[in-house]
Amino acid sequence: MDIFTFSHLHRNQVAHVALYSPVNNASDIRNRIVAAARADGHEGEKERDEMNFAFVDATLITSRLHLETAIYQAILTESQGSLRTKTVHSEILWALNPTNNITEAIRRYGVSDKTTSILVIHISDAGLSSSIVQEKLARVVDGTLLPLASLQDFTDWARIKKYYKLDQEKALIATRDDLSKQHAVIDNIVVSSVAMKSVMG
């Protein structure tokens, strides 16, 4: 598990980030997310606390910086009292999606029954121990925990190009014979898009 720090923000918050692949219970995770959102009373609150994470399809993340930028934007938006979604965790999904459609963001970037690689993110105050977060994750995710450095092993570049409508992007056409350069261009475009989204939106 990695920890992203954002000490320059007003509240000293951190993001606990874990990459899992393969994930064996994506359908169960999705069902629990839906059930937690609908449940009432004490049991509902308990389940929402258990599922208080952002679950992100890892195949749609181009780099650590891409993910870190989306998390930063979500925390910043929450600190300003201007969330567009219900929680800081769902705001991460909104920040990652190139459009402003929240339902689309959750469908594309969230966990689905077919998800095999996921990033799980928990935003908290800096004092929360990683071991506590890991204990909670162990009750939710059935999968293999991997180092975040292996993130790009799972990136689905074709799907990202489709979502961002980059097929006619001149910089990509110019680098089509060099996949490494093309991936760097895509990453740059995507990171810039996430960074500018809250300003443009």
Protein backbone atom coordinates (compact mmCIF):
# COMPACT_ATOMS: atom_id res chain seq x y z
CA MET A 1 0.00 0.00 0.00
CA ASP A 2 1.20 3.49 -0.91
CA ILE A 3 0.42 6.76 0.84
CA PHE A 4 0.00 10.03 -1.06
CA THR A 5 0.49 13.10 1.13
CA PHE A 6 -1.04 16.53 0.56
CA SER A 7 0.39 18.49 3.48
CA HIS A 8 0.18 21.82 1.60
CA LEU A 9 -3.62 21.69 1.73
CA HIS A 10 -5.45 23.34 4.61
CA ARG A 11 -6.26 19.96 6.17
CA ASN A 12 -3.34 17.56 6.42
CA GLN A 13 -4.97 14.68 4.55
CA VAL A 14 -3.49 11.59 2.97
CA ALA A 15 -4.63 8.97 0.49
CA HIS A 16 -4.01 5.30 1.20
CA VAL A 17 -3.74 3.59 -2.20
CA ALA A 18 -3.71 -0.15 -2.91
CA LEU A 19 -3.48 -1.94 -6.27
CA TYR A 20 -5.04 -5.39 -6.56
CA SER A 21 -4.77 -7.81 -9.48
CA PRO A 22 -6.28 -10.22 -10.03
CA VAL A 23 -9.41 -9.43 -8.06
CA ASN A 24 -11.66 -12.42 -7.45
CA ASN A 25 -14.77 -10.76 -6.02
CA ALA A 26 -15.48 -7.69 -8.18
CA SER A 27 -19.16 -8.59 -8.44
CA ASP A 28 -19.45 -8.86 -4.66
CA ILE A 29 -17.71 -5.50 -4.19
CA ARG A 30 -20.06 -3.85 -6.64
CA ASN A 31 -23.11 -5.37 -4.96
CA ARG A 32 -21.91 -4.18 -1.55
CA ILE A 33 -21.37 -0.64 -2.85
CA VAL A 34 -24.93 -0.54 -4.21
CA ALA A 35 -26.40 -2.09 -1.05
CA ALA A 36 -24.50 0.32 1.21
CA ALA A 37 -25.85 3.29 -0.72
CA ARG A 38 -29.43 2.07 -0.30
CA ALA A 39 -29.36 0.72 3.26
CA ASP A 40 -31.03 2.59 6.11
CA GLY A 41 -30.37 2.92 9.82
CA HIS A 42 -27.45 1.64 11.86
CA GLU A 43 -26.74 -1.28 9.52
CA GLY A 44 -26.59 1.09 6.56
CA GLU A 45 -24.14 3.38 8.34
CA LYS A 46 -21.99 0.41 9.31
CA GLU A 47 -21.85 -0.92 5.74
CA ARG A 48 -21.12 2.53 4.31
CA ASP A 49 -18.20 2.79 6.72
CA GLU A 50 -16.96 -0.64 5.62
CA MET A 51 -17.16 0.40 1.95
CA ASN A 52 -15.79 3.92 2.48
CA PHE A 53 -13.27 3.75 -0.37
CA ALA A 54 -12.92 4.79 -3.98
CA PHE A 55 -12.81 1.68 -6.16
CA VAL A 56 -11.18 2.54 -9.49
CA ASP A 57 -10.71 0.35 -12.56
CA ALA A 58 -6.90 0.22 -12.71
CA THR A 59 -6.88 -0.36 -16.48
CA LEU A 60 -7.99 3.26 -17.03
CA ILE A 61 -5.12 4.87 -15.13
CA THR A 62 -2.11 5.96 -17.18
CA SER A 63 0.34 6.70 -14.36
CA ARG A 64 0.81 7.38 -10.67
CA LEU A 65 0.63 11.11 -11.47
CA HIS A 66 -2.73 10.62 -13.22
CA LEU A 67 -4.18 9.00 -10.10
CA GLU A 68 -2.52 11.45 -7.73
CA THR A 69 -3.90 14.42 -9.69
CA ALA A 70 -7.46 13.07 -9.49
CA ILE A 71 -7.14 12.43 -5.75
CA TYR A 72 -5.71 15.91 -5.17
CA GLN A 73 -8.55 17.52 -7.14
CA ALA A 74 -11.14 15.58 -5.12
CA ILE A 75 -9.59 16.55 -1.77
CA LEU A 76 -9.27 20.18 -2.86
CA THR A 77 -12.89 20.28 -4.01
CA GLU A 78 -14.06 18.81 -0.70
CA SER A 79 -12.00 21.35 1.27
CA GLN A 80 -13.71 24.15 -0.66
CA GLY A 81 -17.16 22.71 0.05
CA SER A 82 -17.91 22.26 -3.64
CA LEU A 83 -18.17 18.49 -4.18
CA ARG A 84 -20.15 17.55 -7.28
CA THR A 85 -20.79 14.06 -5.93
CA LYS A 86 -21.85 12.72 -2.53
CA THR A 87 -18.39 11.92 -1.15
CA VAL A 88 -14.72 12.70 -1.71
CA HIS A 89 -14.27 9.10 -2.88
CA SER A 90 -16.90 9.32 -5.63
CA GLU A 91 -15.41 12.71 -6.54
CA ILE A 92 -12.21 10.89 -7.55
CA LEU A 93 -14.20 8.94 -10.16
CA TRP A 94 -15.78 12.18 -11.40
CA ALA A 95 -12.34 13.82 -11.70
CA LEU A 96 -11.01 10.91 -13.76
CA ASN A 97 -13.83 10.96 -16.31
CA PRO A 98 -13.37 13.35 -19.27
CA THR A 99 -17.05 14.43 -19.17
CA ASN A 100 -19.12 15.92 -16.34
CA ASN A 101 -21.59 13.01 -16.30
CA ILE A 102 -21.38 11.48 -12.81
CA THR A 103 -23.29 8.31 -13.73
CA GLU A 104 -20.96 7.75 -16.68
CA ALA A 105 -17.92 8.32 -14.45
CA ILE A 106 -19.06 5.65 -11.99
CA ARG A 107 -19.92 3.21 -14.79
CA ARG A 108 -16.62 3.69 -16.62
CA TYR A 109 -14.13 4.17 -13.81
CA GLY A 110 -15.77 2.30 -10.95
CA VAL A 111 -15.80 -1.42 -10.29
CA SER A 112 -17.94 -3.69 -12.49
CA ASP A 113 -18.67 -7.41 -12.44
CA LYS A 114 -15.87 -7.90 -15.01
CA THR A 115 -13.19 -5.84 -13.25
CA THR A 116 -10.00 -7.82 -12.63
CA SER A 117 -7.59 -5.04 -11.60
CA ILE A 118 -8.60 -2.32 -9.17
CA LEU A 119 -7.14 0.58 -7.26
CA VAL A 120 -8.68 1.10 -3.84
CA ILE A 121 -8.27 4.55 -2.29
CA HIS A 122 -9.11 5.78 1.19
CA ILE A 123 -8.86 9.48 2.06
CA SER A 124 -8.24 10.23 5.73
CA ASP A 125 -6.53 12.55 8.15
CA ALA A 126 -2.79 11.93 8.33
CA GLY A 127 -3.03 10.23 11.73
CA LEU A 128 -4.86 7.12 10.50
CA SER A 129 -2.62 4.06 10.51
CA SER A 130 -2.11 2.15 7.26
CA SER A 131 -2.57 -1.09 9.19
CA ILE A 132 -6.15 -0.09 10.06
CA VAL A 133 -6.88 0.64 6.38
CA GLN A 134 -5.35 -2.70 5.38
CA GLU A 135 -7.52 -4.52 7.91
CA LYS A 136 -10.63 -2.93 6.41
CA LEU A 137 -9.47 -3.77 2.89
CA ALA A 138 -8.95 -7.40 3.84
CA ARG A 139 -12.65 -7.60 4.71
CA VAL A 140 -13.66 -6.17 1.34
CA VAL A 141 -11.23 -7.22 -1.40
CA ASP A 142 -10.30 -10.77 -2.33
CA GLY A 143 -7.26 -10.26 -4.53
CA THR A 144 -3.50 -10.04 -4.82
CA LEU A 145 -1.95 -6.82 -3.51
CA LEU A 146 0.71 -5.49 -5.89
CA PRO A 147 3.19 -2.60 -5.75
CA LEU A 148 1.84 0.56 -7.34
CA ALA A 149 4.93 0.62 -9.57
CA SER A 150 3.32 -2.15 -11.65
CA LEU A 151 0.26 0.01 -12.45
CA GLN A 152 1.09 0.55 -16.13
CA ASP A 153 1.24 -3.21 -16.68
CA PHE A 154 -2.57 -3.09 -16.69
CA THR A 155 -3.27 0.14 -18.58
CA ASP A 156 -5.75 -0.24 -21.45
CA TRP A 157 -4.40 2.50 -23.71
CA ALA A 158 -6.94 1.84 -26.48
CA ARG A 159 -9.91 2.33 -24.15
CA ILE A 160 -8.40 5.51 -22.71
CA LYS A 161 -7.91 6.88 -26.24
CA LYS A 162 -11.55 6.06 -26.96
CA TYR A 163 -12.90 7.78 -23.84
CA TYR A 164 -10.79 10.88 -24.44
CA LYS A 165 -11.50 10.82 -28.20
CA LEU A 166 -7.82 10.98 -29.10
CA ASP A 167 -7.82 9.04 -32.39
CA GLN A 168 -7.26 12.19 -34.44
CA GLU A 169 -4.87 13.83 -31.98
CA LYS A 170 -1.91 15.07 -34.07
CA ALA A 171 0.68 14.32 -31.40
CA LEU A 172 -0.48 10.70 -31.29
CA ILE A 173 -0.51 10.31 -35.05
CA ALA A 174 3.07 11.61 -35.09
CA THR A 175 4.16 8.98 -32.54
CA ARG A 176 2.18 5.98 -33.81
CA ASP A 177 5.39 4.06 -34.62
CA ASP A 178 6.73 4.49 -31.08
CA LEU A 179 4.36 3.12 -28.44
CA SER A 180 6.46 4.37 -25.55
CA LYS A 181 6.30 7.96 -26.83
CA GLN A 182 2.61 7.59 -27.66
CA HIS A 183 1.84 6.41 -24.14
CA ALA A 184 3.76 9.38 -22.72
CA VAL A 185 1.70 11.75 -24.88
CA ILE A 186 -1.57 10.12 -23.78
CA ASP A 187 -0.50 10.33 -20.14
CA ASN A 188 0.34 14.01 -20.51
CA ILE A 189 -3.04 14.78 -22.12
CA VAL A 190 -4.99 12.81 -19.53
CA VAL A 191 -3.16 14.29 -16.52
CA SER A 192 -3.62 17.81 -17.89
CA SER A 193 -7.31 17.12 -18.48
CA VAL A 194 -7.84 15.97 -14.89
CA ALA A 195 -5.89 18.93 -13.52
CA MET A 196 -7.93 21.44 -15.52
CA LYS A 197 -11.34 19.81 -15.16
CA SER A 198 -12.48 21.59 -12.01
CA VAL A 199 -11.37 24.94 -13.45
CA MET A 200 -13.07 24.37 -16.81
CA GLY A 201 -16.17 22.77 -15.29
